[in-house]
């Protein structure tokens, strides 16, 4: 096993064992609104993590690192895709009235 792969495994384990912003958001929403209303968010978070895992293991990082134009395109599209985590599609807010 190469030292880079061992570093990847250790880093992945640390990410798995520590909650990120998605997990904190899901726990907060579950406490506030109940687990049934939060299941879609939890599923979305799990699918996102699975997508990142598959992308990382398939070598997409090497392709992106070797192409400055692709890296710039991905980097510039990230702010456009982010949104307020307290709102739903269609503009309805999760906050209670």
N, C-alpha and C. Protein backbone atom coordinates (compact mmCIF):
# COMPACT_ATOMS: atom_id res chain seq x y z
N UNK A 1 0.86 -1.18 0.00
CA UNK A 1 0.00 0.00 0.00
C UNK A 1 0.90 1.24 0.00
N UNK A 2 0.62 2.16 -0.90
CA UNK A 2 1.43 3.36 -0.99
C UNK A 2 1.14 4.30 0.18
N UNK A 3 2.07 5.17 0.42
CA UNK A 3 1.90 6.10 1.54
C UNK A 3 0.77 7.11 1.25
N UNK A 4 0.57 7.48 -0.03
CA UNK A 4 -0.52 8.39 -0.36
C UNK A 4 -1.88 7.75 -0.13
N UNK A 5 -2.00 6.46 -0.46
CA UNK A 5 -3.27 5.78 -0.22
C UNK A 5 -3.53 5.63 1.27
N UNK A 6 -2.48 5.35 2.05
CA UNK A 6 -2.65 5.27 3.51
C UNK A 6 -3.08 6.62 4.07
N UNK A 7 -2.51 7.71 3.55
CA UNK A 7 -2.92 9.05 3.98
C UNK A 7 -4.37 9.31 3.61
N UNK A 8 -4.77 8.88 2.41
CA UNK A 8 -6.16 9.02 1.98
C UNK A 8 -7.09 8.28 2.93
N UNK A 9 -6.73 7.06 3.32
CA UNK A 9 -7.58 6.27 4.23
C UNK A 9 -7.69 6.93 5.60
N UNK A 10 -6.58 7.43 6.12
CA UNK A 10 -6.59 8.08 7.44
C UNK A 10 -7.44 9.35 7.38
N UNK A 11 -7.29 10.13 6.32
CA UNK A 11 -8.07 11.36 6.16
C UNK A 11 -9.56 11.04 6.00
N UNK A 12 -9.87 10.01 5.23
CA UNK A 12 -11.27 9.60 5.06
C UNK A 12 -11.87 9.15 6.38
N UNK A 13 -11.12 8.41 7.16
CA UNK A 13 -11.61 7.95 8.46
C UNK A 13 -11.88 9.14 9.39
N UNK A 14 -10.99 10.13 9.37
CA UNK A 14 -11.20 11.33 10.19
C UNK A 14 -12.46 12.07 9.74
N UNK A 15 -12.69 12.15 8.43
CA UNK A 15 -13.90 12.81 7.93
C UNK A 15 -15.16 12.05 8.30
N UNK A 16 -15.08 10.74 8.31
CA UNK A 16 -16.24 9.93 8.66
C UNK A 16 -16.58 10.06 10.14
N UNK A 17 -15.57 10.13 10.99
CA UNK A 17 -15.80 10.15 12.43
C UNK A 17 -16.18 11.52 12.97
N UNK A 18 -15.91 12.59 12.23
CA UNK A 18 -16.27 13.92 12.70
C UNK A 18 -17.44 14.46 11.89
N UNK A 19 -18.43 15.02 12.54
CA UNK A 19 -19.59 15.52 11.79
C UNK A 19 -19.24 16.80 11.04
N UNK A 20 -19.72 16.90 9.84
CA UNK A 20 -19.52 18.11 9.04
C UNK A 20 -20.75 19.00 9.13
N UNK A 21 -20.77 20.04 8.31
CA UNK A 21 -21.89 20.98 8.34
C UNK A 21 -23.20 20.32 7.92
N UNK A 22 -23.13 19.38 6.96
CA UNK A 22 -24.34 18.68 6.53
C UNK A 22 -24.96 17.87 7.65
N UNK A 23 -24.12 17.19 8.42
CA UNK A 23 -24.63 16.37 9.52
C UNK A 23 -25.20 17.25 10.63
N UNK A 24 -24.52 18.34 10.92
CA UNK A 24 -25.02 19.27 11.95
C UNK A 24 -26.36 19.86 11.51
N UNK A 25 -26.48 20.22 10.22
CA UNK A 25 -27.73 20.76 9.72
C UNK A 25 -28.85 19.73 9.83
N UNK A 26 -28.58 18.49 9.46
CA UNK A 26 -29.60 17.44 9.51
C UNK A 26 -30.04 17.20 10.96
N UNK A 27 -29.11 17.16 11.88
CA UNK A 27 -29.46 16.95 13.30
C UNK A 27 -30.29 18.12 13.82
N UNK A 28 -29.90 19.34 13.46
CA UNK A 28 -30.65 20.52 13.90
C UNK A 28 -32.07 20.51 13.34
N UNK A 29 -32.21 20.21 12.05
CA UNK A 29 -33.55 20.18 11.45
C UNK A 29 -34.38 19.04 12.03
N UNK A 30 -33.76 17.90 12.30
CA UNK A 30 -34.50 16.77 12.88
C UNK A 30 -35.00 17.12 14.27
N UNK A 31 -34.18 17.82 15.05
CA UNK A 31 -34.60 18.21 16.39
C UNK A 31 -35.73 19.24 16.33
N UNK A 32 -35.68 20.11 15.33
CA UNK A 32 -36.67 21.18 15.24
C UNK A 32 -37.98 20.74 14.57
N UNK A 33 -37.88 19.91 13.51
CA UNK A 33 -39.06 19.58 12.70
C UNK A 33 -39.44 18.11 12.72
N UNK A 34 -38.63 17.26 13.33
CA UNK A 34 -38.94 15.84 13.34
C UNK A 34 -38.18 15.09 12.25
N UNK A 35 -38.01 13.81 12.47
CA UNK A 35 -37.17 13.03 11.56
C UNK A 35 -37.83 12.79 10.21
N UNK A 36 -39.14 12.75 10.14
CA UNK A 36 -39.80 12.49 8.85
C UNK A 36 -39.59 13.63 7.86
N UNK A 37 -39.65 14.87 8.33
CA UNK A 37 -39.44 16.02 7.43
C UNK A 37 -37.97 16.18 7.07
N UNK A 38 -37.08 15.50 7.78
CA UNK A 38 -35.66 15.66 7.56
C UNK A 38 -35.06 14.54 6.71
N UNK A 39 -35.81 13.49 6.45
CA UNK A 39 -35.26 12.34 5.73
C UNK A 39 -34.77 12.70 4.33
N UNK A 40 -35.43 13.59 3.62
CA UNK A 40 -34.96 13.94 2.28
C UNK A 40 -33.60 14.65 2.34
N UNK A 41 -33.40 15.48 3.33
CA UNK A 41 -32.10 16.13 3.50
C UNK A 41 -31.01 15.15 3.86
N UNK A 42 -31.35 14.17 4.72
CA UNK A 42 -30.37 13.16 5.08
C UNK A 42 -30.01 12.29 3.88
N UNK A 43 -31.01 11.96 3.08
CA UNK A 43 -30.76 11.18 1.87
C UNK A 43 -29.90 11.96 0.88
N UNK A 44 -30.19 13.24 0.71
CA UNK A 44 -29.39 14.08 -0.17
C UNK A 44 -27.94 14.20 0.29
N UNK A 45 -27.74 14.33 1.60
CA UNK A 45 -26.40 14.39 2.14
C UNK A 45 -25.65 13.08 1.91
N UNK A 46 -26.33 11.95 2.13
CA UNK A 46 -25.71 10.65 1.90
C UNK A 46 -25.36 10.43 0.43
N UNK A 47 -26.25 10.85 -0.47
CA UNK A 47 -25.97 10.72 -1.91
C UNK A 47 -24.80 11.61 -2.32
N UNK A 48 -24.73 12.81 -1.76
CA UNK A 48 -23.61 13.70 -2.05
C UNK A 48 -22.28 13.12 -1.59
N UNK A 49 -22.27 12.54 -0.39
CA UNK A 49 -21.05 11.93 0.12
C UNK A 49 -20.66 10.73 -0.74
N UNK A 50 -21.64 9.94 -1.14
CA UNK A 50 -21.36 8.79 -2.01
C UNK A 50 -20.79 9.25 -3.35
N UNK A 51 -21.35 10.32 -3.92
CA UNK A 51 -20.83 10.85 -5.18
C UNK A 51 -19.38 11.30 -5.03
N UNK A 52 -19.08 12.02 -3.94
CA UNK A 52 -17.71 12.48 -3.72
C UNK A 52 -16.75 11.31 -3.51
N UNK A 53 -17.21 10.27 -2.81
CA UNK A 53 -16.39 9.08 -2.60
C UNK A 53 -16.07 8.41 -3.93
N UNK A 54 -17.09 8.23 -4.77
CA UNK A 54 -16.89 7.58 -6.06
C UNK A 54 -15.97 8.42 -6.95
N UNK A 55 -16.18 9.74 -6.94
CA UNK A 55 -15.33 10.62 -7.75
C UNK A 55 -13.88 10.56 -7.28
N UNK A 56 -13.69 10.53 -5.97
CA UNK A 56 -12.33 10.46 -5.43
C UNK A 56 -11.65 9.15 -5.72
N UNK A 57 -12.38 8.07 -5.62
CA UNK A 57 -11.78 6.75 -5.86
C UNK A 57 -11.59 6.46 -7.35
N UNK A 58 -12.31 7.13 -8.21
CA UNK A 58 -12.19 6.86 -9.64
C UNK A 58 -11.08 7.67 -10.31
N UNK A 59 -10.46 8.56 -9.59
CA UNK A 59 -9.35 9.32 -10.15
C UNK A 59 -9.73 10.63 -10.79
N UNK A 60 -10.91 11.12 -10.52
CA UNK A 60 -11.32 12.40 -11.09
C UNK A 60 -10.42 13.53 -10.60
N UNK A 61 -9.92 13.41 -9.39
CA UNK A 61 -9.03 14.44 -8.84
C UNK A 61 -7.76 14.59 -9.66
N UNK A 62 -7.23 13.50 -10.18
CA UNK A 62 -6.03 13.56 -11.01
C UNK A 62 -6.33 14.29 -12.32
N UNK A 63 -7.49 14.01 -12.89
CA UNK A 63 -7.88 14.68 -14.14
C UNK A 63 -8.06 16.17 -13.91
N UNK A 64 -8.73 16.53 -12.83
CA UNK A 64 -8.97 17.94 -12.54
C UNK A 64 -7.65 18.64 -12.22
N UNK A 65 -6.77 17.97 -11.47
CA UNK A 65 -5.48 18.58 -11.13
C UNK A 65 -4.60 18.79 -12.35
N UNK A 66 -4.74 17.94 -13.37
CA UNK A 66 -3.89 18.07 -14.55
C UNK A 66 -4.44 19.06 -15.57
N UNK A 67 -5.66 19.54 -15.39
CA UNK A 67 -6.26 20.48 -16.35
C UNK A 67 -6.63 21.77 -15.63
N UNK A 68 -5.81 22.81 -15.76
CA UNK A 68 -6.11 24.08 -15.10
C UNK A 68 -7.44 24.69 -15.57
N UNK A 69 -7.80 24.49 -16.84
CA UNK A 69 -9.05 25.05 -17.35
C UNK A 69 -10.26 24.36 -16.71
N UNK A 70 -10.20 23.04 -16.56
CA UNK A 70 -11.28 22.31 -15.92
C UNK A 70 -11.39 22.69 -14.44
N UNK A 71 -10.25 22.84 -13.77
CA UNK A 71 -10.25 23.25 -12.37
C UNK A 71 -10.88 24.63 -12.21
N UNK A 72 -10.54 25.56 -13.10
CA UNK A 72 -11.10 26.91 -13.04
C UNK A 72 -12.61 26.88 -13.29
N UNK A 73 -13.06 26.04 -14.22
CA UNK A 73 -14.49 25.95 -14.51
C UNK A 73 -15.26 25.41 -13.30
N UNK A 74 -14.72 24.38 -12.66
CA UNK A 74 -15.39 23.80 -11.49
C UNK A 74 -15.36 24.79 -10.33
N UNK A 75 -14.23 25.45 -10.14
CA UNK A 75 -14.11 26.42 -9.03
C UNK A 75 -15.06 27.60 -9.20
N UNK A 76 -15.22 28.07 -10.43
CA UNK A 76 -16.09 29.23 -10.63
C UNK A 76 -17.57 28.86 -10.58
N UNK A 77 -17.90 27.59 -10.79
CA UNK A 77 -19.31 27.19 -10.74
C UNK A 77 -19.78 26.89 -9.32
N UNK A 78 -18.88 26.69 -8.38
CA UNK A 78 -19.27 26.33 -7.01
C UNK A 78 -20.08 27.42 -6.32
N UNK A 79 -19.70 28.69 -6.34
CA UNK A 79 -20.53 29.70 -5.67
C UNK A 79 -21.91 29.85 -6.29
N UNK A 80 -22.04 29.61 -7.57
CA UNK A 80 -23.34 29.74 -8.22
C UNK A 80 -24.29 28.64 -7.81
N UNK A 81 -23.75 27.48 -7.41
CA UNK A 81 -24.63 26.37 -7.05
C UNK A 81 -24.99 26.34 -5.57
N UNK A 82 -24.32 27.14 -4.75
CA UNK A 82 -24.64 27.13 -3.33
C UNK A 82 -25.88 27.97 -3.07
N UNK A 83 -26.62 27.59 -2.02
CA UNK A 83 -27.83 28.33 -1.67
C UNK A 83 -28.00 28.34 -0.16
N UNK A 84 -28.96 29.08 0.29
CA UNK A 84 -29.26 29.15 1.72
C UNK A 84 -29.81 27.81 2.18
N UNK A 85 -29.22 27.25 3.22
CA UNK A 85 -29.63 25.91 3.67
C UNK A 85 -30.96 25.93 4.42
N UNK A 86 -31.49 27.09 4.69
CA UNK A 86 -32.75 27.17 5.42
C UNK A 86 -33.96 27.35 4.50
N UNK A 87 -33.78 27.25 3.20
CA UNK A 87 -34.92 27.42 2.30
C UNK A 87 -35.12 26.18 1.47
N UNK A 88 -36.32 26.01 0.97
CA UNK A 88 -36.67 24.86 0.14
C UNK A 88 -36.80 25.30 -1.31
N UNK A 89 -36.74 24.33 -2.23
CA UNK A 89 -37.02 24.68 -3.62
C UNK A 89 -38.42 25.28 -3.74
N UNK A 90 -38.56 26.28 -4.56
CA UNK A 90 -39.85 26.95 -4.71
C UNK A 90 -39.97 28.17 -3.82
N UNK A 91 -38.93 28.46 -3.03
CA UNK A 91 -38.92 29.66 -2.23
C UNK A 91 -39.61 29.55 -0.88
N UNK A 92 -40.17 28.38 -0.54
CA UNK A 92 -40.82 28.24 0.76
C UNK A 92 -39.76 28.07 1.84
N UNK A 93 -39.86 28.79 2.89
CA UNK A 93 -38.89 28.73 3.97
C UNK A 93 -39.25 27.60 4.94
N UNK A 94 -38.22 27.03 5.57
CA UNK A 94 -38.45 26.00 6.58
C UNK A 94 -38.80 26.60 7.94
N UNK A 95 -38.57 27.89 8.09
CA UNK A 95 -38.84 28.52 9.37
C UNK A 95 -40.33 28.56 9.65
N UNK A 96 -40.65 28.38 10.91
CA UNK A 96 -42.07 28.41 11.31
C UNK A 96 -42.58 29.84 11.31
N UNK A 97 -43.81 30.01 10.95
CA UNK A 97 -44.40 31.36 10.90
C UNK A 97 -44.97 31.71 12.26
